[in-house]
């Protein structure tokens, strides 16, 4: 059996039940965007890289307001949320040339939300053949670029 080393996953596995507060509230308040993988800050929402991505360039668009319900967002928050989703997909298209995207959110724990109390949209770039035998048979995903390198590219592009 071949073994792939993915040491960054252990941090997620070990901390999955730790209660350090809502990361979508804590991280923007820390004002350390590169460390926290925040690539863009808007007035009512921000864009953060997924530290445990499904694919390279996996982003999340998150309102600053701590809520699990879309109906609790006002018009300005809703508009910026969807404008940033559009901006992210355009930036990723220009930087990474994906052939498609998965864009969506999981509302509630039973729907698959890892962070159920603070809504967020996922934007996952997709390429033909990016799902292969590794995740299906080996329960392993290969991410071909480090978070730091992807962050630098995305941070620069989001400002343009």
N, C-alpha and C. Protein backbone atom coordinates (compact mmCIF):
# COMPACT_ATOMS: atom_id res chain seq x y z
N UNK A 1 0.84 -1.17 0.00
CA UNK A 1 0.00 0.00 0.00
C UNK A 1 0.89 1.24 0.00
N UNK A 2 0.54 2.21 -0.87
CA UNK A 2 1.23 3.49 -0.88
C UNK A 2 0.66 4.37 0.21
N UNK A 3 1.51 5.18 0.80
CA UNK A 3 1.08 6.10 1.86
C UNK A 3 1.40 7.52 1.42
N UNK A 4 0.40 8.38 1.47
CA UNK A 4 0.60 9.79 1.18
C UNK A 4 0.61 10.54 2.50
N UNK A 5 1.54 11.44 2.63
CA UNK A 5 1.68 12.21 3.85
C UNK A 5 0.96 13.54 3.68
N UNK A 6 -0.02 13.82 4.51
CA UNK A 6 -0.78 15.07 4.48
C UNK A 6 -0.85 15.62 5.91
N UNK A 7 0.25 16.16 6.44
CA UNK A 7 0.31 16.54 7.85
C UNK A 7 -0.66 17.63 8.25
N UNK A 8 -1.08 18.50 7.33
CA UNK A 8 -2.00 19.57 7.69
C UNK A 8 -3.36 19.05 8.10
N UNK A 9 -3.73 17.84 7.72
CA UNK A 9 -5.03 17.29 8.08
C UNK A 9 -5.11 16.95 9.57
N UNK A 10 -3.99 16.60 10.20
CA UNK A 10 -4.00 16.24 11.61
C UNK A 10 -4.47 17.40 12.48
N UNK A 11 -4.10 18.62 12.13
CA UNK A 11 -4.55 19.78 12.88
C UNK A 11 -6.08 19.85 12.87
N UNK A 12 -6.69 19.60 11.75
CA UNK A 12 -8.16 19.60 11.65
C UNK A 12 -8.75 18.47 12.48
N UNK A 13 -8.19 17.28 12.35
CA UNK A 13 -8.70 16.11 13.07
C UNK A 13 -8.62 16.33 14.58
N UNK A 14 -7.49 16.84 15.06
CA UNK A 14 -7.29 17.02 16.50
C UNK A 14 -8.12 18.17 17.08
N UNK A 15 -8.43 19.16 16.27
CA UNK A 15 -9.12 20.35 16.80
C UNK A 15 -10.60 20.40 16.45
N UNK A 16 -11.11 19.34 15.87
CA UNK A 16 -12.49 19.37 15.39
C UNK A 16 -13.50 19.65 16.50
N UNK A 17 -13.23 19.25 17.72
CA UNK A 17 -14.18 19.43 18.82
C UNK A 17 -13.79 20.54 19.79
N UNK A 18 -12.68 21.23 19.51
CA UNK A 18 -12.27 22.30 20.42
C UNK A 18 -13.17 23.51 20.22
N UNK A 19 -13.60 24.09 21.31
CA UNK A 19 -14.46 25.27 21.24
C UNK A 19 -13.63 26.51 21.50
N UNK A 20 -13.14 27.12 20.41
CA UNK A 20 -12.36 28.35 20.52
C UNK A 20 -13.17 29.53 20.00
N UNK A 21 -14.46 29.35 19.90
CA UNK A 21 -15.31 30.39 19.34
C UNK A 21 -15.49 30.17 17.85
N UNK A 22 -16.32 30.96 17.27
CA UNK A 22 -16.61 30.85 15.85
C UNK A 22 -15.43 31.37 15.04
N UNK A 23 -14.83 30.52 14.21
CA UNK A 23 -13.66 30.96 13.44
C UNK A 23 -14.01 32.10 12.49
N UNK A 24 -15.26 32.17 12.04
CA UNK A 24 -15.66 33.22 11.12
C UNK A 24 -15.88 34.56 11.83
N UNK A 25 -15.90 34.53 13.15
CA UNK A 25 -15.92 35.76 13.95
C UNK A 25 -14.53 36.07 14.49
N UNK A 26 -13.82 35.05 14.95
CA UNK A 26 -12.51 35.21 15.56
C UNK A 26 -11.46 35.65 14.54
N UNK A 27 -11.39 34.97 13.41
CA UNK A 27 -10.31 35.23 12.44
C UNK A 27 -10.32 36.66 11.91
N UNK A 28 -11.45 37.21 11.48
CA UNK A 28 -11.41 38.61 11.00
C UNK A 28 -11.05 39.60 12.10
N UNK A 29 -11.39 39.30 13.35
CA UNK A 29 -11.09 40.21 14.45
C UNK A 29 -9.60 40.23 14.79
N UNK A 30 -8.88 39.20 14.42
CA UNK A 30 -7.46 39.11 14.75
C UNK A 30 -6.59 40.05 13.92
N UNK A 31 -7.07 40.51 12.80
CA UNK A 31 -6.34 41.45 11.94
C UNK A 31 -5.00 40.88 11.47
N UNK A 32 -4.93 39.58 11.25
CA UNK A 32 -3.75 38.92 10.72
C UNK A 32 -4.18 38.11 9.50
N UNK A 33 -4.47 38.84 8.42
CA UNK A 33 -5.14 38.23 7.28
C UNK A 33 -4.34 37.12 6.61
N UNK A 34 -3.06 37.29 6.44
CA UNK A 34 -2.28 36.25 5.76
C UNK A 34 -2.27 34.96 6.59
N UNK A 35 -2.01 35.08 7.87
CA UNK A 35 -2.01 33.89 8.75
C UNK A 35 -3.38 33.22 8.74
N UNK A 36 -4.43 34.02 8.70
CA UNK A 36 -5.79 33.49 8.76
C UNK A 36 -6.39 33.21 7.38
N UNK A 37 -5.60 33.42 6.33
CA UNK A 37 -5.99 33.11 4.94
C UNK A 37 -7.16 33.95 4.44
N UNK A 38 -7.33 35.15 5.00
CA UNK A 38 -8.35 36.08 4.51
C UNK A 38 -7.77 36.82 3.33
N UNK A 39 -8.34 36.61 2.15
CA UNK A 39 -7.79 37.21 0.93
C UNK A 39 -8.48 38.51 0.54
N UNK A 40 -9.65 38.80 1.15
CA UNK A 40 -10.35 40.03 0.81
C UNK A 40 -11.32 40.38 1.93
N UNK A 41 -11.39 41.68 2.23
CA UNK A 41 -12.36 42.19 3.21
C UNK A 41 -13.26 43.21 2.52
N UNK A 42 -14.55 42.95 2.58
CA UNK A 42 -15.53 43.92 2.10
C UNK A 42 -16.14 44.65 3.28
N UNK A 43 -17.20 45.39 3.03
CA UNK A 43 -17.86 46.14 4.10
C UNK A 43 -18.67 45.23 5.01
N UNK A 44 -19.35 44.24 4.42
CA UNK A 44 -20.24 43.38 5.22
C UNK A 44 -19.85 41.91 5.16
N UNK A 45 -18.92 41.57 4.25
CA UNK A 45 -18.50 40.17 4.05
C UNK A 45 -17.01 40.11 3.78
N UNK A 46 -16.45 38.93 3.94
CA UNK A 46 -15.04 38.72 3.62
C UNK A 46 -14.87 37.40 2.89
N UNK A 47 -13.67 37.24 2.30
CA UNK A 47 -13.35 36.01 1.57
C UNK A 47 -12.16 35.36 2.26
N UNK A 48 -12.29 34.09 2.57
CA UNK A 48 -11.25 33.34 3.27
C UNK A 48 -11.00 32.03 2.52
N UNK A 49 -9.74 31.64 2.47
CA UNK A 49 -9.41 30.34 1.89
C UNK A 49 -9.79 29.25 2.87
N UNK A 50 -10.21 28.12 2.34
CA UNK A 50 -10.46 26.97 3.18
C UNK A 50 -9.11 26.35 3.54
N UNK A 51 -8.82 26.26 4.83
CA UNK A 51 -7.56 25.71 5.30
C UNK A 51 -7.45 24.21 5.00
N UNK A 52 -8.57 23.56 4.81
CA UNK A 52 -8.63 22.13 4.50
C UNK A 52 -9.41 21.97 3.20
N UNK A 53 -8.81 22.41 2.07
CA UNK A 53 -9.57 22.55 0.82
C UNK A 53 -9.94 21.23 0.16
N UNK A 54 -11.06 21.28 -0.56
CA UNK A 54 -11.46 20.18 -1.43
C UNK A 54 -10.64 20.19 -2.71
N UNK A 55 -10.21 21.38 -3.14
CA UNK A 55 -9.40 21.58 -4.33
C UNK A 55 -8.58 22.85 -4.14
N UNK A 56 -7.52 23.01 -4.92
CA UNK A 56 -6.77 24.26 -4.91
C UNK A 56 -7.72 25.42 -5.19
N UNK A 57 -7.54 26.52 -4.46
CA UNK A 57 -8.36 27.70 -4.67
C UNK A 57 -9.71 27.67 -3.99
N UNK A 58 -9.97 26.69 -3.15
CA UNK A 58 -11.26 26.58 -2.45
C UNK A 58 -11.43 27.79 -1.53
N UNK A 59 -12.41 28.63 -1.85
CA UNK A 59 -12.67 29.84 -1.09
C UNK A 59 -14.02 29.75 -0.38
N UNK A 60 -14.17 30.60 0.63
CA UNK A 60 -15.46 30.75 1.30
C UNK A 60 -15.77 32.23 1.41
N UNK A 61 -16.99 32.61 1.09
CA UNK A 61 -17.46 33.98 1.24
C UNK A 61 -18.37 33.99 2.47
N UNK A 62 -18.05 34.89 3.41
CA UNK A 62 -18.67 34.85 4.73
C UNK A 62 -19.14 36.24 5.14
N UNK A 63 -20.37 36.38 5.59
CA UNK A 63 -20.78 37.68 6.17
C UNK A 63 -20.11 37.86 7.53
N UNK A 64 -19.80 39.09 7.88
CA UNK A 64 -19.26 39.35 9.22
C UNK A 64 -20.33 39.04 10.28
N UNK A 65 -21.58 39.23 9.94
CA UNK A 65 -22.66 38.98 10.90
C UNK A 65 -22.71 37.50 11.25
N UNK A 66 -22.71 37.21 12.52
CA UNK A 66 -22.79 35.83 13.00
C UNK A 66 -24.25 35.38 12.95
N UNK A 67 -24.56 34.59 11.92
CA UNK A 67 -25.92 34.08 11.77
C UNK A 67 -25.89 32.77 10.99
N UNK A 68 -26.86 31.94 11.24
CA UNK A 68 -26.99 30.70 10.49
C UNK A 68 -28.16 30.77 9.51
N UNK A 69 -28.75 31.96 9.37
CA UNK A 69 -29.95 32.11 8.55
C UNK A 69 -29.78 33.20 7.50
N UNK A 70 -30.04 32.87 6.25
CA UNK A 70 -30.00 33.87 5.19
C UNK A 70 -31.00 34.99 5.44
N UNK A 71 -32.13 34.66 6.04
CA UNK A 71 -33.17 35.66 6.26
C UNK A 71 -32.75 36.74 7.27
N UNK A 72 -31.68 36.51 8.01
CA UNK A 72 -31.19 37.52 8.96
C UNK A 72 -30.23 38.51 8.32
N UNK A 73 -29.88 38.30 7.04
CA UNK A 73 -29.01 39.25 6.35
C UNK A 73 -29.86 40.38 5.76
N UNK A 74 -29.34 41.60 5.82
CA UNK A 74 -30.07 42.71 5.20
C UNK A 74 -29.71 42.78 3.71
N UNK A 75 -30.31 43.73 3.00
CA UNK A 75 -30.10 43.84 1.55
C UNK A 75 -28.64 44.07 1.19
N UNK A 76 -27.96 44.90 1.96
CA UNK A 76 -26.56 45.22 1.67
C UNK A 76 -25.66 43.99 1.87
N UNK A 77 -25.91 43.26 2.94
CA UNK A 77 -25.14 42.04 3.19
C UNK A 77 -25.39 41.00 2.11
N UNK A 78 -26.63 40.83 1.74
CA UNK A 78 -26.99 39.85 0.71
C UNK A 78 -26.36 40.23 -0.64
N UNK A 79 -26.43 41.51 -0.98
CA UNK A 79 -25.86 41.97 -2.25
C UNK A 79 -24.35 41.76 -2.28
N UNK A 80 -23.67 42.16 -1.21
CA UNK A 80 -22.21 42.00 -1.20
C UNK A 80 -21.82 40.52 -1.19
N UNK A 81 -22.57 39.70 -0.48
CA UNK A 81 -22.31 38.27 -0.45
C UNK A 81 -22.28 37.71 -1.88
N UNK A 82 -23.30 38.03 -2.65
CA UNK A 82 -23.38 37.49 -4.01
C UNK A 82 -22.42 38.20 -4.97
N UNK A 83 -22.13 39.47 -4.73
CA UNK A 83 -21.12 40.14 -5.55
C UNK A 83 -19.74 39.51 -5.32
N UNK A 84 -19.44 39.16 -4.08
CA UNK A 84 -18.15 38.53 -3.80
C UNK A 84 -18.08 37.10 -4.34
N UNK A 85 -19.18 36.38 -4.32
CA UNK A 85 -19.19 35.06 -4.95
C UNK A 85 -18.85 35.19 -6.43
N UNK A 86 -19.45 36.17 -7.08
CA UNK A 86 -19.18 36.42 -8.49
C UNK A 86 -17.72 36.82 -8.70
N UNK A 87 -17.22 37.73 -7.86
CA UNK A 87 -15.83 38.18 -7.97
C UNK A 87 -14.87 37.00 -7.78
N UNK A 88 -15.13 36.18 -6.80
CA UNK A 88 -14.26 35.03 -6.54
C UNK A 88 -14.23 34.07 -7.72
N UNK A 89 -15.38 33.78 -8.28
CA UNK A 89 -15.39 32.86 -9.42
C UNK A 89 -14.66 33.46 -10.61
N UNK A 90 -14.78 34.77 -10.81
CA UNK A 90 -14.05 35.43 -11.89
C UNK A 90 -12.54 35.42 -11.65
N UNK A 91 -12.13 35.71 -10.41
CA UNK A 91 -10.70 35.70 -10.07
C UNK A 91 -10.13 34.29 -10.24
N UNK A 92 -10.82 33.30 -9.72
CA UNK A 92 -10.35 31.92 -9.84
C UNK A 92 -10.29 31.49 -11.30
N UNK A 93 -11.27 31.91 -12.09
CA UNK A 93 -11.27 31.56 -13.52
C UNK A 93 -10.03 32.13 -14.20
N UNK A 94 -9.67 33.37 -13.86
CA UNK A 94 -8.50 34.00 -14.46
C UNK A 94 -7.18 33.43 -13.98
N UNK A 95 -7.11 33.07 -12.71
CA UNK A 95 -5.85 32.57 -12.13
C UNK A 95 -5.61 31.09 -12.38
N UNK A 96 -6.66 30.29 -12.32
CA UNK A 96 -6.48 28.84 -12.30
C UNK A 96 -7.10 28.12 -13.49
N UNK A 97 -7.86 28.84 -14.28
CA UNK A 97 -8.48 28.26 -15.48
C UNK A 97 -9.25 26.97 -15.20
N UNK A 98 -10.13 26.97 -14.19
CA UNK A 98 -10.93 25.76 -13.95
C UNK A 98 -11.96 25.59 -15.07
N UNK A 99 -12.43 24.39 -15.19
CA UNK A 99 -13.44 24.08 -16.20
C UNK A 99 -14.86 24.18 -15.64
N UNK A 100 -14.97 24.43 -14.35
CA UNK A 100 -16.26 24.58 -13.70
C UNK A 100 -16.07 24.92 -12.23
N UNK A 101 -17.17 25.08 -11.55
CA UNK A 101 -17.15 25.41 -10.11
C UNK A 101 -18.27 24.66 -9.40
N UNK A 102 -18.04 24.34 -8.15
CA UNK A 102 -19.11 24.02 -7.21
C UNK A 102 -19.24 25.26 -6.34
N UNK A 103 -20.43 25.86 -6.33
CA UNK A 103 -20.70 27.03 -5.50
C UNK A 103 -21.96 26.72 -4.70
N UNK A 104 -21.84 26.81 -3.38
CA UNK A 104 -23.00 26.52 -2.57
C UNK A 104 -22.73 26.61 -1.09
N UNK A 105 -23.77 26.34 -0.33
CA UNK A 105 -23.65 26.36 1.13
C UNK A 105 -24.43 25.21 1.72
N UNK A 106 -24.01 24.81 2.90
CA UNK A 106 -24.71 23.79 3.66
C UNK A 106 -25.32 24.49 4.87
N UNK A 107 -26.62 24.50 4.95
CA UNK A 107 -27.30 25.15 6.07
C UNK A 107 -27.70 24.09 7.08
N UNK A 108 -27.05 24.13 8.23
CA UNK A 108 -27.34 23.18 9.30
C UNK A 108 -26.40 22.00 9.30
N UNK A 109 -26.16 21.47 10.46
CA UNK A 109 -25.25 20.34 10.64
C UNK A 109 -25.68 19.12 9.82
N UNK A 110 -26.98 18.81 9.81
CA UNK A 110 -27.45 17.63 9.08
C UNK A 110 -27.31 17.80 7.57
N UNK A 111 -27.17 19.04 7.10
CA UNK A 111 -26.96 19.29 5.67
C UNK A 111 -25.48 19.27 5.31
N UNK A 112 -24.63 19.07 6.31
CA UNK A 112 -23.20 18.96 6.04
C UNK A 112 -22.37 20.16 6.45
N UNK A 113 -22.97 21.14 7.12
CA UNK A 113 -22.22 22.32 7.55
C UNK A 113 -21.24 21.96 8.65
N UNK A 114 -19.96 22.16 8.39
CA UNK A 114 -18.94 21.94 9.41
C UNK A 114 -18.99 23.03 10.47
N UNK A 115 -19.36 24.23 10.05
CA UNK A 115 -19.57 25.36 10.96
C UNK A 115 -21.01 25.79 10.74
N UNK A 116 -21.89 25.23 11.53
CA UNK A 116 -23.33 25.40 11.30
C UNK A 116 -23.88 26.73 11.78
N UNK A 117 -23.22 27.38 12.73
CA UNK A 117 -23.77 28.58 13.33
C UNK A 117 -23.47 29.87 12.57
N UNK A 118 -22.59 29.80 11.57
CA UNK A 118 -22.21 30.99 10.81
C UNK A 118 -22.22 30.64 9.33
N UNK A 119 -23.24 31.13 8.62
CA UNK A 119 -23.38 30.73 7.22
C UNK A 119 -22.21 31.21 6.37
N UNK A 120 -21.92 30.46 5.33
CA UNK A 120 -20.82 30.78 4.41
C UNK A 120 -21.02 30.00 3.12
N UNK A 121 -20.63 30.61 2.03
CA UNK A 121 -20.68 29.97 0.72
C UNK A 121 -19.31 29.42 0.38
N UNK A 122 -19.30 28.23 -0.19
CA UNK A 122 -18.08 27.61 -0.71
C UNK A 122 -18.00 27.87 -2.21
N UNK A 123 -16.80 28.17 -2.68
CA UNK A 123 -16.53 28.27 -4.11
C UNK A 123 -15.35 27.35 -4.37
N UNK A 124 -15.62 26.25 -5.07
CA UNK A 124 -14.60 25.22 -5.30
C UNK A 124 -14.35 25.10 -6.81
N UNK A 125 -13.15 25.49 -7.27
CA UNK A 125 -12.84 25.31 -8.69
C UNK A 125 -12.73 23.82 -9.02
N UNK A 126 -13.19 23.46 -10.23
CA UNK A 126 -13.18 22.05 -10.64
C UNK A 126 -12.55 21.90 -12.02
N UNK A 127 -11.88 20.79 -12.21
CA UNK A 127 -11.25 20.46 -13.48
C UNK A 127 -11.68 19.06 -13.89
N UNK A 128 -11.79 18.86 -15.18
CA UNK A 128 -12.14 17.55 -15.70
C UNK A 128 -11.14 16.53 -15.17
N UNK A 129 -11.63 15.51 -14.53
CA UNK A 129 -10.76 14.46 -14.00
C UNK A 129 -10.21 14.73 -12.62
N UNK A 130 -10.62 15.85 -11.96
CA UNK A 130 -10.04 16.10 -10.63
C UNK A 130 -10.56 15.14 -9.57
N UNK A 131 -11.64 14.45 -9.84
CA UNK A 131 -12.07 13.37 -8.97
C UNK A 131 -11.58 12.08 -9.62
N UNK A 132 -10.70 11.41 -8.90
CA UNK A 132 -10.11 10.20 -9.45
C UNK A 132 -10.15 9.10 -8.40
N UNK A 133 -9.34 8.09 -8.57
CA UNK A 133 -9.36 6.95 -7.65
C UNK A 133 -8.94 7.30 -6.24
N UNK A 134 -8.15 8.37 -6.05
CA UNK A 134 -7.63 8.68 -4.72
C UNK A 134 -8.76 8.95 -3.70
N UNK A 135 -9.68 9.87 -3.96
CA UNK A 135 -10.73 10.09 -2.97
C UNK A 135 -11.75 8.97 -2.93
N UNK A 136 -11.96 8.32 -4.06
CA UNK A 136 -12.98 7.27 -4.12
C UNK A 136 -12.52 6.02 -3.39
N UNK A 137 -11.30 5.57 -3.68
CA UNK A 137 -10.80 4.33 -3.08
C UNK A 137 -9.90 4.55 -1.88
N UNK A 138 -9.10 5.59 -1.93
CA UNK A 138 -8.12 5.80 -0.87
C UNK A 138 -8.50 6.83 0.15
N UNK A 139 -9.67 7.47 0.00
CA UNK A 139 -10.11 8.52 0.91
C UNK A 139 -9.03 9.58 1.10
N UNK A 140 -8.35 9.91 0.00
CA UNK A 140 -7.26 10.87 0.01
C UNK A 140 -7.45 11.84 -1.13
N UNK A 141 -7.27 13.12 -0.86
CA UNK A 141 -7.37 14.16 -1.89
C UNK A 141 -5.98 14.74 -2.10
N UNK A 142 -5.58 14.90 -3.35
CA UNK A 142 -4.29 15.49 -3.66
C UNK A 142 -4.51 16.95 -4.01
N UNK A 143 -3.87 17.85 -3.27
CA UNK A 143 -3.91 19.28 -3.52
C UNK A 143 -2.52 19.66 -4.00
N UNK A 144 -2.44 20.21 -5.21
CA UNK A 144 -1.15 20.33 -5.88
C UNK A 144 -0.38 21.62 -5.62
N UNK A 145 -0.93 22.53 -4.82
CA UNK A 145 -0.22 23.76 -4.51
C UNK A 145 -0.44 24.10 -3.05
N UNK A 146 0.60 24.60 -2.39
CA UNK A 146 0.50 24.95 -0.98
C UNK A 146 -0.41 26.14 -0.74
N UNK A 147 -0.98 26.20 0.46
CA UNK A 147 -1.88 27.29 0.83
C UNK A 147 -1.22 28.65 0.70
N UNK A 148 0.05 28.77 1.10
CA UNK A 148 0.74 30.05 1.07
C UNK A 148 0.88 30.58 -0.35
N UNK A 149 1.24 29.72 -1.28
CA UNK A 149 1.40 30.14 -2.67
C UNK A 149 0.05 30.55 -3.27
N UNK A 150 -0.98 29.77 -2.98
CA UNK A 150 -2.31 30.10 -3.48
C UNK A 150 -2.81 31.39 -2.85
N UNK A 151 -2.56 31.58 -1.56
CA UNK A 151 -2.96 32.81 -0.87
C UNK A 151 -2.36 34.02 -1.56
N UNK A 152 -1.05 34.01 -1.81
CA UNK A 152 -0.38 35.15 -2.43
C UNK A 152 -1.02 35.51 -3.77
N UNK A 153 -1.32 34.52 -4.58
CA UNK A 153 -1.95 34.76 -5.89
C UNK A 153 -3.35 35.34 -5.72
N UNK A 154 -4.14 34.74 -4.82
CA UNK A 154 -5.52 35.19 -4.63
C UNK A 154 -5.60 36.58 -4.01
N UNK A 155 -4.74 36.84 -3.02
CA UNK A 155 -4.74 38.14 -2.35
C UNK A 155 -4.47 39.25 -3.35
N UNK A 156 -3.48 39.05 -4.20
CA UNK A 156 -3.15 40.04 -5.23
C UNK A 156 -4.30 40.22 -6.22
N UNK A 157 -4.87 39.13 -6.69
CA UNK A 157 -5.94 39.21 -7.69
C UNK A 157 -7.23 39.80 -7.13
N UNK A 158 -7.54 39.55 -5.87
CA UNK A 158 -8.78 40.07 -5.28
C UNK A 158 -8.73 41.60 -5.15
N UNK A 159 -7.54 42.19 -5.04
CA UNK A 159 -7.41 43.63 -4.93
C UNK A 159 -7.57 44.34 -6.26
N UNK A 160 -7.41 43.59 -7.35
CA UNK A 160 -7.50 44.21 -8.68
C UNK A 160 -8.92 44.46 -9.09
